[in-house]
């Protein structure tokens, strides 16, 4: 199987990053490299990582958003396969093994995602929702060429929707993405996280993502000239 690297963008994740990293290191197939990109945290995220004394590379940048941090992580890897994960979510132990096996069987696939379940803070043992398709950073595994061809993950206003936009651009570029029907990741729901609840200011990102998608379709329909 191909080697793989892991990218984890992190912002004020001191309370959760340890559990997240532990879920990566518990994989049945271990990563060649783990890169955490600290996106201007102010809560001791880096200190929490360093205290664990794990084989993790930490990059630091001024706060620019999870898309920017993920893109920087892509650039730091040379592995043929890239897996990504949010700093408060978890992987189940066989996630990577099953995704790598899928890509090995399907060389035409550019990437593969998995289903996931959500859980409330402190209760990862009792997921509170049924399994749903996880078109997300936490479940994504892609081939190196996808990141190189599609370009940076762009953070929209409000800080939400960057992965929706990037996955749409991957598809528009002609890359095939697949979904495993097994829940192999857990999404943490906690107050204060970027995806928690509805927020008009943060939700502006979704509107911007929809607008950009319509503009790309319009340009494609118009053709050259």
C-alpha atoms as a PDB file:
ATOM      1  CA  UNK A   1       0.000   0.000   0.000  1.00  0.00           C
ATOM      2  CA  UNK A   2       1.064   3.563  -0.663  1.00  0.00           C
ATOM      3  CA  UNK A   3       2.535   5.680   2.087  1.00  0.00           C
ATOM      4  CA  UNK A   4       0.370   8.459   3.473  1.00  0.00           C
ATOM      5  CA  UNK A   5       0.657  11.653   5.475  1.00  0.00           C
ATOM      6  CA  UNK A   6      -1.835  13.395   7.735  1.00  0.00           C
ATOM      7  CA  UNK A   7      -2.697  17.103   7.862  1.00  0.00           C
ATOM      8  CA  UNK A   8      -4.530  18.553  10.866  1.00  0.00           C
ATOM      9  CA  UNK A   9      -5.354  22.281  10.928  1.00  0.00           C
ATOM     10  CA  UNK A  10      -5.741  23.442  14.523  1.00  0.00           C
ATOM     11  CA  UNK A  11      -7.086  26.600  16.130  1.00  0.00           C
ATOM     12  CA  UNK A  12      -7.517  26.783  19.914  1.00  0.00           C
ATOM     13  CA  UNK A  13      -7.717  23.000  20.109  1.00  0.00           C
ATOM     14  CA  UNK A  14      -5.744  22.405  23.309  1.00  0.00           C
ATOM     15  CA  UNK A  15      -8.663  20.547  24.896  1.00  0.00           C
ATOM     16  CA  UNK A  16      -9.130  18.095  22.027  1.00  0.00           C
ATOM     17  CA  UNK A  17      -5.926  17.777  19.988  1.00  0.00           C
ATOM     18  CA  UNK A  18      -4.505  15.039  22.215  1.00  0.00           C
ATOM     19  CA  UNK A  19      -7.468  12.741  21.671  1.00  0.00           C
ATOM     20  CA  UNK A  20      -7.455  13.534  17.964  1.00  0.00           C
ATOM     21  CA  UNK A  21      -3.762  12.674  17.601  1.00  0.00           C
ATOM     22  CA  UNK A  22      -4.239   9.510  19.626  1.00  0.00           C
ATOM     23  CA  UNK A  23      -6.887   8.371  17.144  1.00  0.00           C
ATOM     24  CA  UNK A  24      -4.403   8.898  14.304  1.00  0.00           C
ATOM     25  CA  UNK A  25      -1.683   6.937  16.055  1.00  0.00           C
ATOM     26  CA  UNK A  26      -4.175   4.146  16.811  1.00  0.00           C
ATOM     27  CA  UNK A  27      -4.664   3.425  13.102  1.00  0.00           C
ATOM     28  CA  UNK A  28      -3.968  -0.132  12.010  1.00  0.00           C
ATOM     29  CA  UNK A  29      -1.702   1.366   9.325  1.00  0.00           C
ATOM     30  CA  UNK A  30       0.461   4.110  10.799  1.00  0.00           C
ATOM     31  CA  UNK A  31       1.147   7.347   8.893  1.00  0.00           C
ATOM     32  CA  UNK A  32       4.575   8.216   7.531  1.00  0.00           C
ATOM     33  CA  UNK A  33       4.208  11.770   8.791  1.00  0.00           C
ATOM     34  CA  UNK A  34       1.717  13.841  10.794  1.00  0.00           C
ATOM     35  CA  UNK A  35       1.631  17.609  10.273  1.00  0.00           C
ATOM     36  CA  UNK A  36      -0.366  19.859  12.583  1.00  0.00           C
ATOM     37  CA  UNK A  37      -0.696  23.427  11.334  1.00  0.00           C
ATOM     38  CA  UNK A  38      -1.426  25.739  14.254  1.00  0.00           C
ATOM     39  CA  UNK A  39      -3.548  28.556  12.850  1.00  0.00           C
ATOM     40  CA  UNK A  40      -2.682  31.291  15.328  1.00  0.00           C
ATOM     41  CA  UNK A  41      -4.007  29.570  18.462  1.00  0.00           C
ATOM     42  CA  UNK A  42      -4.037  31.524  21.715  1.00  0.00           C
ATOM     43  CA  UNK A  43      -4.909  28.696  24.110  1.00  0.00           C
ATOM     44  CA  UNK A  44      -1.784  26.558  24.346  1.00  0.00           C
ATOM     45  CA  UNK A  45      -2.526  24.150  21.503  1.00  0.00           C
ATOM     46  CA  UNK A  46       1.155  23.831  20.602  1.00  0.00           C
ATOM     47  CA  UNK A  47       2.150  23.278  24.229  1.00  0.00           C
ATOM     48  CA  UNK A  48      -0.444  20.502  24.516  1.00  0.00           C
ATOM     49  CA  UNK A  49       1.046  18.758  21.488  1.00  0.00           C
ATOM     50  CA  UNK A  50       4.616  19.147  22.671  1.00  0.00           C
ATOM     51  CA  UNK A  51       3.733  17.742  26.105  1.00  0.00           C
ATOM     52  CA  UNK A  52       2.647  14.478  24.465  1.00  0.00           C
ATOM     53  CA  UNK A  53       6.103  13.964  22.913  1.00  0.00           C
ATOM     54  CA  UNK A  54       4.639  12.415  19.773  1.00  0.00           C
ATOM     55  CA  UNK A  55       6.194  12.056  16.298  1.00  0.00           C
ATOM     56  CA  UNK A  56       4.353  15.127  15.018  1.00  0.00           C
ATOM     57  CA  UNK A  57       5.569  18.086  12.967  1.00  0.00           C
ATOM     58  CA  UNK A  58       4.010  21.364  14.118  1.00  0.00           C
ATOM     59  CA  UNK A  59       3.891  24.368  11.792  1.00  0.00           C
ATOM     60  CA  UNK A  60       2.735  27.739  13.056  1.00  0.00           C
ATOM     61  CA  UNK A  61       1.102  30.610  11.185  1.00  0.00           C
ATOM     62  CA  UNK A  62      -0.914  33.729  11.874  1.00  0.00           C
ATOM     63  CA  UNK A  63      -4.632  33.041  11.995  1.00  0.00           C
ATOM     64  CA  UNK A  64      -5.834  32.729   8.401  1.00  0.00           C
ATOM     65  CA  UNK A  65      -8.495  30.019   8.521  1.00  0.00           C
ATOM     66  CA  UNK A  66      -8.682  26.219   8.318  1.00  0.00           C
ATOM     67  CA  UNK A  67      -8.440  26.192   4.538  1.00  0.00           C
ATOM     68  CA  UNK A  68      -5.201  28.137   4.588  1.00  0.00           C
ATOM     69  CA  UNK A  69      -3.824  25.895   7.333  1.00  0.00           C
ATOM     70  CA  UNK A  70      -4.788  22.732   5.443  1.00  0.00           C
ATOM     71  CA  UNK A  71      -3.196  24.045   2.259  1.00  0.00           C
ATOM     72  CA  UNK A  72       0.030  24.758   4.117  1.00  0.00           C
ATOM     73  CA  UNK A  73      -0.055  21.219   5.433  1.00  0.00           C
ATOM     74  CA  UNK A  74      -0.435  19.856   1.906  1.00  0.00           C
ATOM     75  CA  UNK A  75       2.697  21.737   0.870  1.00  0.00           C
ATOM     76  CA  UNK A  76       4.648  20.225   3.764  1.00  0.00           C
ATOM     77  CA  UNK A  77       3.952  16.643   2.683  1.00  0.00           C
ATOM     78  CA  UNK A  78       5.656  14.579  -0.001  1.00  0.00           C
ATOM     79  CA  UNK A  79       3.587  11.417   0.473  1.00  0.00           C
ATOM     80  CA  UNK A  80       1.583   9.953  -2.411  1.00  0.00           C
ATOM     81  CA  UNK A  81      -1.577   9.895  -0.302  1.00  0.00           C
ATOM     82  CA  UNK A  82      -2.922  12.660   1.978  1.00  0.00           C
ATOM     83  CA  UNK A  83      -5.479  12.238   4.745  1.00  0.00           C
ATOM     84  CA  UNK A  84      -6.937  15.181   6.643  1.00  0.00           C
ATOM     85  CA  UNK A  85      -8.631  15.598   9.992  1.00  0.00           C
ATOM     86  CA  UNK A  86     -10.101  18.427  12.051  1.00  0.00           C
ATOM     87  CA  UNK A  87      -8.439  18.956  15.415  1.00  0.00           C
ATOM     88  CA  UNK A  88     -11.519  18.061  17.470  1.00  0.00           C
ATOM     89  CA  UNK A  89     -12.670  14.981  15.528  1.00  0.00           C
ATOM     90  CA  UNK A  90     -11.649  11.326  15.744  1.00  0.00           C
ATOM     91  CA  UNK A  91     -10.817   8.442  13.432  1.00  0.00           C
ATOM     92  CA  UNK A  92     -11.851   4.880  14.177  1.00  0.00           C
ATOM     93  CA  UNK A  93      -8.894   2.445  14.063  1.00  0.00           C
ATOM     94  CA  UNK A  94      -9.519   0.849  10.636  1.00  0.00           C
ATOM     95  CA  UNK A  95     -10.388   4.054   8.751  1.00  0.00           C
ATOM     96  CA  UNK A  96      -7.084   4.490   6.973  1.00  0.00           C
ATOM     97  CA  UNK A  97      -6.618   0.787   6.236  1.00  0.00           C
ATOM     98  CA  UNK A  98      -9.998   0.588   4.510  1.00  0.00           C
ATOM     99  CA  UNK A  99      -9.485   3.780   2.514  1.00  0.00           C
ATOM    100  CA  UNK A 100      -6.022   2.743   1.349  1.00  0.00           C
ATOM    101  CA  UNK A 101      -7.384  -0.653   0.317  1.00  0.00           C
ATOM    102  CA  UNK A 102     -10.119   1.082  -1.692  1.00  0.00           C
ATOM    103  CA  UNK A 103      -7.659   3.322  -3.522  1.00  0.00           C
ATOM    104  CA  UNK A 104      -5.442   0.304  -4.197  1.00  0.00           C
ATOM    105  CA  UNK A 105      -8.388  -1.529  -5.778  1.00  0.00           C
ATOM    106  CA  UNK A 106      -9.565   1.558  -7.680  1.00  0.00           C
ATOM    107  CA  UNK A 107      -6.618   3.349  -9.276  1.00  0.00           C
ATOM    108  CA  UNK A 108      -9.062   5.528 -11.198  1.00  0.00           C
ATOM    109  CA  UNK A 109     -10.362   7.098  -7.962  1.00  0.00           C
ATOM    110  CA  UNK A 110      -8.741  10.402  -7.002  1.00  0.00           C
ATOM    111  CA  UNK A 111     -10.034  10.313  -3.458  1.00  0.00           C
ATOM    112  CA  UNK A 112     -12.302   8.522  -1.037  1.00  0.00           C
ATOM    113  CA  UNK A 113     -14.389   9.658   1.923  1.00  0.00           C
ATOM    114  CA  UNK A 114     -16.265   7.734   4.626  1.00  0.00           C
ATOM    115  CA  UNK A 115     -19.493   7.995   6.558  1.00  0.00           C
ATOM    116  CA  UNK A 116     -19.284   9.517  10.032  1.00  0.00           C
ATOM    117  CA  UNK A 117     -21.292   9.951  13.207  1.00  0.00           C
ATOM    118  CA  UNK A 118     -21.470  12.906  15.553  1.00  0.00           C
ATOM    119  CA  UNK A 119     -20.908  12.812  19.294  1.00  0.00           C
ATOM    120  CA  UNK A 120     -21.316  15.259  22.120  1.00  0.00           C
ATOM    121  CA  UNK A 121     -18.363  16.605  24.069  1.00  0.00           C
ATOM    122  CA  UNK A 122     -16.908  13.916  26.311  1.00  0.00           C
ATOM    123  CA  UNK A 123     -19.042  11.049  24.960  1.00  0.00           C
ATOM    124  CA  UNK A 124     -17.203   9.579  21.962  1.00  0.00           C
ATOM    125  CA  UNK A 125     -18.277   6.143  23.189  1.00  0.00           C
ATOM    126  CA  UNK A 126     -21.923   6.969  22.470  1.00  0.00           C
ATOM    127  CA  UNK A 127     -22.401   8.596  19.054  1.00  0.00           C
ATOM    128  CA  UNK A 128     -25.783  10.312  19.107  1.00  0.00           C
ATOM    129  CA  UNK A 129     -26.665  10.243  15.421  1.00  0.00           C
ATOM    130  CA  UNK A 130     -26.945   7.680  12.694  1.00  0.00           C
ATOM    131  CA  UNK A 131     -24.204   7.300  10.134  1.00  0.00           C
ATOM    132  CA  UNK A 132     -24.254   9.856   7.308  1.00  0.00           C
ATOM    133  CA  UNK A 133     -21.920  10.511   4.356  1.00  0.00           C
ATOM    134  CA  UNK A 134     -19.026  12.663   5.538  1.00  0.00           C
ATOM    135  CA  UNK A 135     -18.034  14.911   2.660  1.00  0.00           C
ATOM    136  CA  UNK A 136     -15.608  16.625   5.007  1.00  0.00           C
ATOM    137  CA  UNK A 137     -11.978  17.254   5.889  1.00  0.00           C
ATOM    138  CA  UNK A 138     -12.166  14.682   8.688  1.00  0.00           C
ATOM    139  CA  UNK A 139     -13.075  11.801   6.372  1.00  0.00           C
ATOM    140  CA  UNK A 140     -11.072  12.796   3.275  1.00  0.00           C
ATOM    141  CA  UNK A 141      -8.254  10.812   1.710  1.00  0.00           C
ATOM    142  CA  UNK A 142      -6.875  12.052  -1.618  1.00  0.00           C
ATOM    143  CA  UNK A 143      -4.030  11.346  -3.960  1.00  0.00           C
ATOM    144  CA  UNK A 144      -1.205  13.866  -4.009  1.00  0.00           C
ATOM    145  CA  UNK A 145      -1.991  14.937  -7.580  1.00  0.00           C
ATOM    146  CA  UNK A 146      -5.424  16.237  -6.600  1.00  0.00           C
ATOM    147  CA  UNK A 147      -4.018  18.806  -4.193  1.00  0.00           C
ATOM    148  CA  UNK A 148      -1.380  19.839  -6.724  1.00  0.00           C
ATOM    149  CA  UNK A 149      -3.893  20.259  -9.564  1.00  0.00           C
ATOM    150  CA  UNK A 150      -6.828  21.901  -7.787  1.00  0.00           C
ATOM    151  CA  UNK A 151      -4.878  24.428  -5.750  1.00  0.00           C
ATOM    152  CA  UNK A 152      -5.457  26.004  -2.347  1.00  0.00           C
ATOM    153  CA  UNK A 153      -8.465  25.528  -0.108  1.00  0.00           C
ATOM    154  CA  UNK A 154      -9.930  29.032   0.085  1.00  0.00           C
ATOM    155  CA  UNK A 155     -11.495  30.301   3.316  1.00  0.00           C
ATOM    156  CA  UNK A 156     -14.731  32.178   2.568  1.00  0.00           C
ATOM    157  CA  UNK A 157     -16.122  35.000   4.727  1.00  0.00           C
ATOM    158  CA  UNK A 158     -17.258  33.723   8.108  1.00  0.00           C
ATOM    159  CA  UNK A 159     -14.950  30.720   8.045  1.00  0.00           C
ATOM    160  CA  UNK A 160     -17.463  28.085   6.934  1.00  0.00           C
ATOM    161  CA  UNK A 161     -17.861  26.238   3.649  1.00  0.00           C
ATOM    162  CA  UNK A 162     -14.229  26.001   2.497  1.00  0.00           C
ATOM    163  CA  UNK A 163     -14.347  22.214   2.084  1.00  0.00           C
ATOM    164  CA  UNK A 164     -17.658  22.340   0.194  1.00  0.00           C
ATOM    165  CA  UNK A 165     -16.046  24.769  -2.232  1.00  0.00           C
ATOM    166  CA  UNK A 166     -12.822  22.769  -2.603  1.00  0.00           C
ATOM    167  CA  UNK A 167     -14.566  19.427  -3.101  1.00  0.00           C
ATOM    168  CA  UNK A 168     -16.751  21.055  -5.773  1.00  0.00           C
ATOM    169  CA  UNK A 169     -13.631  22.334  -7.521  1.00  0.00           C
ATOM    170  CA  UNK A 170     -12.088  18.857  -7.360  1.00  0.00           C
ATOM    171  CA  UNK A 171     -15.120  17.425  -9.145  1.00  0.00           C
ATOM    172  CA  UNK A 172     -15.207  20.278 -11.664  1.00  0.00           C
ATOM    173  CA  UNK A 173     -11.571  19.496 -12.492  1.00  0.00           C
ATOM    174  CA  UNK A 174     -12.663  15.995 -13.523  1.00  0.00           C
ATOM    175  CA  UNK A 175     -11.434  13.998 -10.537  1.00  0.00           C
ATOM    176  CA  UNK A 176     -13.549  11.093  -9.318  1.00  0.00           C
ATOM    177  CA  UNK A 177     -14.377  10.974  -5.615  1.00  0.00           C
ATOM    178  CA  UNK A 178     -15.899   7.973  -3.856  1.00  0.00           C
ATOM    179  CA  UNK A 179     -17.627   7.330  -0.537  1.00  0.00           C
ATOM    180  CA  UNK A 180     -17.300   4.286   1.707  1.00  0.00           C
ATOM    181  CA  UNK A 181     -20.637   3.403   3.289  1.00  0.00           C
ATOM    182  CA  UNK A 182     -19.113   2.566   6.682  1.00  0.00           C
ATOM    183  CA  UNK A 183     -18.865   5.115   9.512  1.00  0.00           C
ATOM    184  CA  UNK A 184     -15.124   5.317  10.209  1.00  0.00           C
ATOM    185  CA  UNK A 185     -14.890   8.769  11.815  1.00  0.00           C
ATOM    186  CA  UNK A 186     -16.553  10.704  14.609  1.00  0.00           C
ATOM    187  CA  UNK A 187     -17.415  14.398  14.475  1.00  0.00           C
ATOM    188  CA  UNK A 188     -17.311  16.214  17.798  1.00  0.00           C
ATOM    189  CA  UNK A 189     -20.084  18.693  18.570  1.00  0.00           C
ATOM    190  CA  UNK A 190     -19.074  21.271  21.169  1.00  0.00           C
ATOM    191  CA  UNK A 191     -19.948  24.907  21.866  1.00  0.00           C
ATOM    192  CA  UNK A 192     -17.380  27.242  20.365  1.00  0.00           C
ATOM    193  CA  UNK A 193     -16.309  24.990  17.514  1.00  0.00           C
ATOM    194  CA  UNK A 194     -16.413  26.462  14.027  1.00  0.00           C
ATOM    195  CA  UNK A 195     -19.271  24.216  12.903  1.00  0.00           C
ATOM    196  CA  UNK A 196     -21.374  24.456  16.069  1.00  0.00           C
ATOM    197  CA  UNK A 197     -24.922  25.733  15.607  1.00  0.00           C
ATOM    198  CA  UNK A 198     -26.242  28.330  13.207  1.00  0.00           C
ATOM    199  CA  UNK A 199     -24.528  31.695  13.053  1.00  0.00           C
ATOM    200  CA  UNK A 200     -25.454  34.317  10.463  1.00  0.00           C
ATOM    201  CA  UNK A 201     -21.948  35.798  10.305  1.00  0.00           C
ATOM    202  CA  UNK A 202     -20.239  32.434   9.913  1.00  0.00           C
ATOM    203  CA  UNK A 203     -22.896  31.102   7.535  1.00  0.00           C
ATOM    204  CA  UNK A 204     -22.000  33.845   5.032  1.00  0.00           C
ATOM    205  CA  UNK A 205     -19.345  31.428   3.835  1.00  0.00           C
ATOM    206  CA  UNK A 206     -21.947  29.025   2.474  1.00  0.00           C
ATOM    207  CA  UNK A 207     -23.545  31.817   0.450  1.00  0.00           C
ATOM    208  CA  UNK A 208     -20.159  32.793  -0.970  1.00  0.00           C
ATOM    209  CA  UNK A 209     -19.408  29.170  -1.873  1.00  0.00           C
ATOM    210  CA  UNK A 210     -22.734  28.918  -3.727  1.00  0.00           C
ATOM    211  CA  UNK A 211     -22.044  32.189  -5.544  1.00  0.00           C
ATOM    212  CA  UNK A 212     -18.586  31.062  -6.669  1.00  0.00           C
ATOM    213  CA  UNK A 213     -19.975  27.739  -7.907  1.00  0.00           C
ATOM    214  CA  UNK A 214     -22.589  29.553  -9.997  1.00  0.00           C
ATOM    215  CA  UNK A 215     -19.931  31.843 -11.457  1.00  0.00           C
ATOM    216  CA  UNK A 216     -17.780  28.850 -12.451  1.00  0.00           C
ATOM    217  CA  UNK A 217     -20.754  27.164 -14.115  1.00  0.00           C
ATOM    218  CA  UNK A 218     -21.631  30.363 -15.954  1.00  0.00           C
ATOM    219  CA  UNK A 219     -18.077  30.741 -17.256  1.00  0.00           C
ATOM    220  CA  UNK A 220     -18.027  27.111 -18.346  1.00  0.00           C
ATOM    221  CA  UNK A 221     -21.366  27.497 -20.167  1.00  0.00           C
ATOM    222  CA  UNK A 222     -20.177  30.652 -21.884  1.00  0.00           C
ATOM    223  CA  UNK A 223     -17.107  28.876 -23.220  1.00  0.00           C
ATOM    224  CA  UNK A 224     -14.030  30.621 -24.664  1.00  0.00           C
ATOM    225  CA  UNK A 225     -14.185  34.112 -25.987  1.00  0.00           C
END
